[in-house]
Amino acid sequence: MAVDAAVAKDDLVIPLIDFSSFLSGDAASKKATAQAVLEGFQGAGFIYLKNHGISPDTVSTVFSNSAKFFARSSQQKDALAWYSPEANRGYTAQGREKVTDLDNVDDVAALREQVPDLKESLEIGRDDEEGMPNLWPATEGDDEAKVFKEVMLKFFDTCKGLHMQVMRAIALGMGIEESWFDGFTDEGDNTLRLLHYPGVPKSVFKRNDGQLQVRAGEHSDYGSITLLFQDDRGGLQVKSPQGTFVDATPIPGTIVINAGDLLARWSNDTIKSTKHRVVEPPPKKDTDGADSYPPRYSIAYFCNPNFKRMIEAIPGTYEAAGKKYEGIQSGEYIVRRLTATY
């Protein structure tokens, strides 16, 4: 199966994969697509998917409603404040979270003070988990808030479906039963994150203290995979094997999907969880000569194995070299990582 490259620089090759062949193709094309998905995660830790089954109109509606949410007053948003690592739900104002690979709370706090991330976000989890409520704008007398909740819950389930399909592709590529991951993905212990990077003066990125000002710091994701929907502003960069950061340029109609730390651990490190960041956006004609950059919006759907499941090395990944990691409960691992981040 011939696969185009969405990104190819500094030994980083991120494939652009037509996923329709997996969703509706014959057995041979389905297997070839699954192999391409697996090889993308093994080589780069990232893939771009096109023809993934989520319509452009759906994505556009979600972005529109996200922008309306972030346009609400600080008072309205702060009333929905993120409240615990265990829940991982609610609004996070600019400057509270610092995404990083550091796991010491004091080190993260020092970095946050020095180089804050220039973003705000809203985390939405599955809406039926007892004691872990999602926080929504009050809907009484607010039709926009009602639509927002309906759109986001529907999109959460849509992304959950794609998560299950991508994991099936990984399983098929690995040569294990295609449904092997289904019992790890059916609960939907995932997080839909709406992100807003406010417009900023260009001068903000020109620091004289040797620090790189970022919109989101260098990090790897925590869970199994992440579905990332970008607008057209750019700024996402992926770390190459040479140690450089390469632009992951938005491609209309695609989803950028990356493997997370827990999937790397689950695969006995045969799959890569690659570091990435969001930085000063690349030059565009509409910002040439301007003193500031416009806002950037993105939507990340963080996928995790069901929180109650134990994560042990996947069959076929450890028999020759042995298991590199002890088993760990999915939810405990995610909470531990989130506790250091906030």
Foldseek 3Di string as FASTA:
>chain_A
DDWDFLDDDPQATATEAECVCLVDNDPVSVLVRLLVLQVNQLRHLKYKYFPLPQDPVLVVVLLVLLVVVVPDDPVQQVVFDQDALLQRFGKDDWLPFAADPDQDQVVLVVVSVVATAQKIKGKDAQQPDPPRHHGFRDPVVPVSRVVNVVSVNVVLVVVLVSVLSSQLSNCSSLVHHSCVQVLFRVVRGKIKMKMKRAKDFPCVQVDDPPDGHFNHDKHFAAAAKKWKFWDQQWQKWWQRPVRDTHTSGDDPRITMMGGGPLNCLQQLNSGDGTIMGGGDTDDDPVCVPPRIDHMIIMMMMGGHTPQADKRFHDPPRAPVPHRPDDIDGGSVRSSSRVVSGD
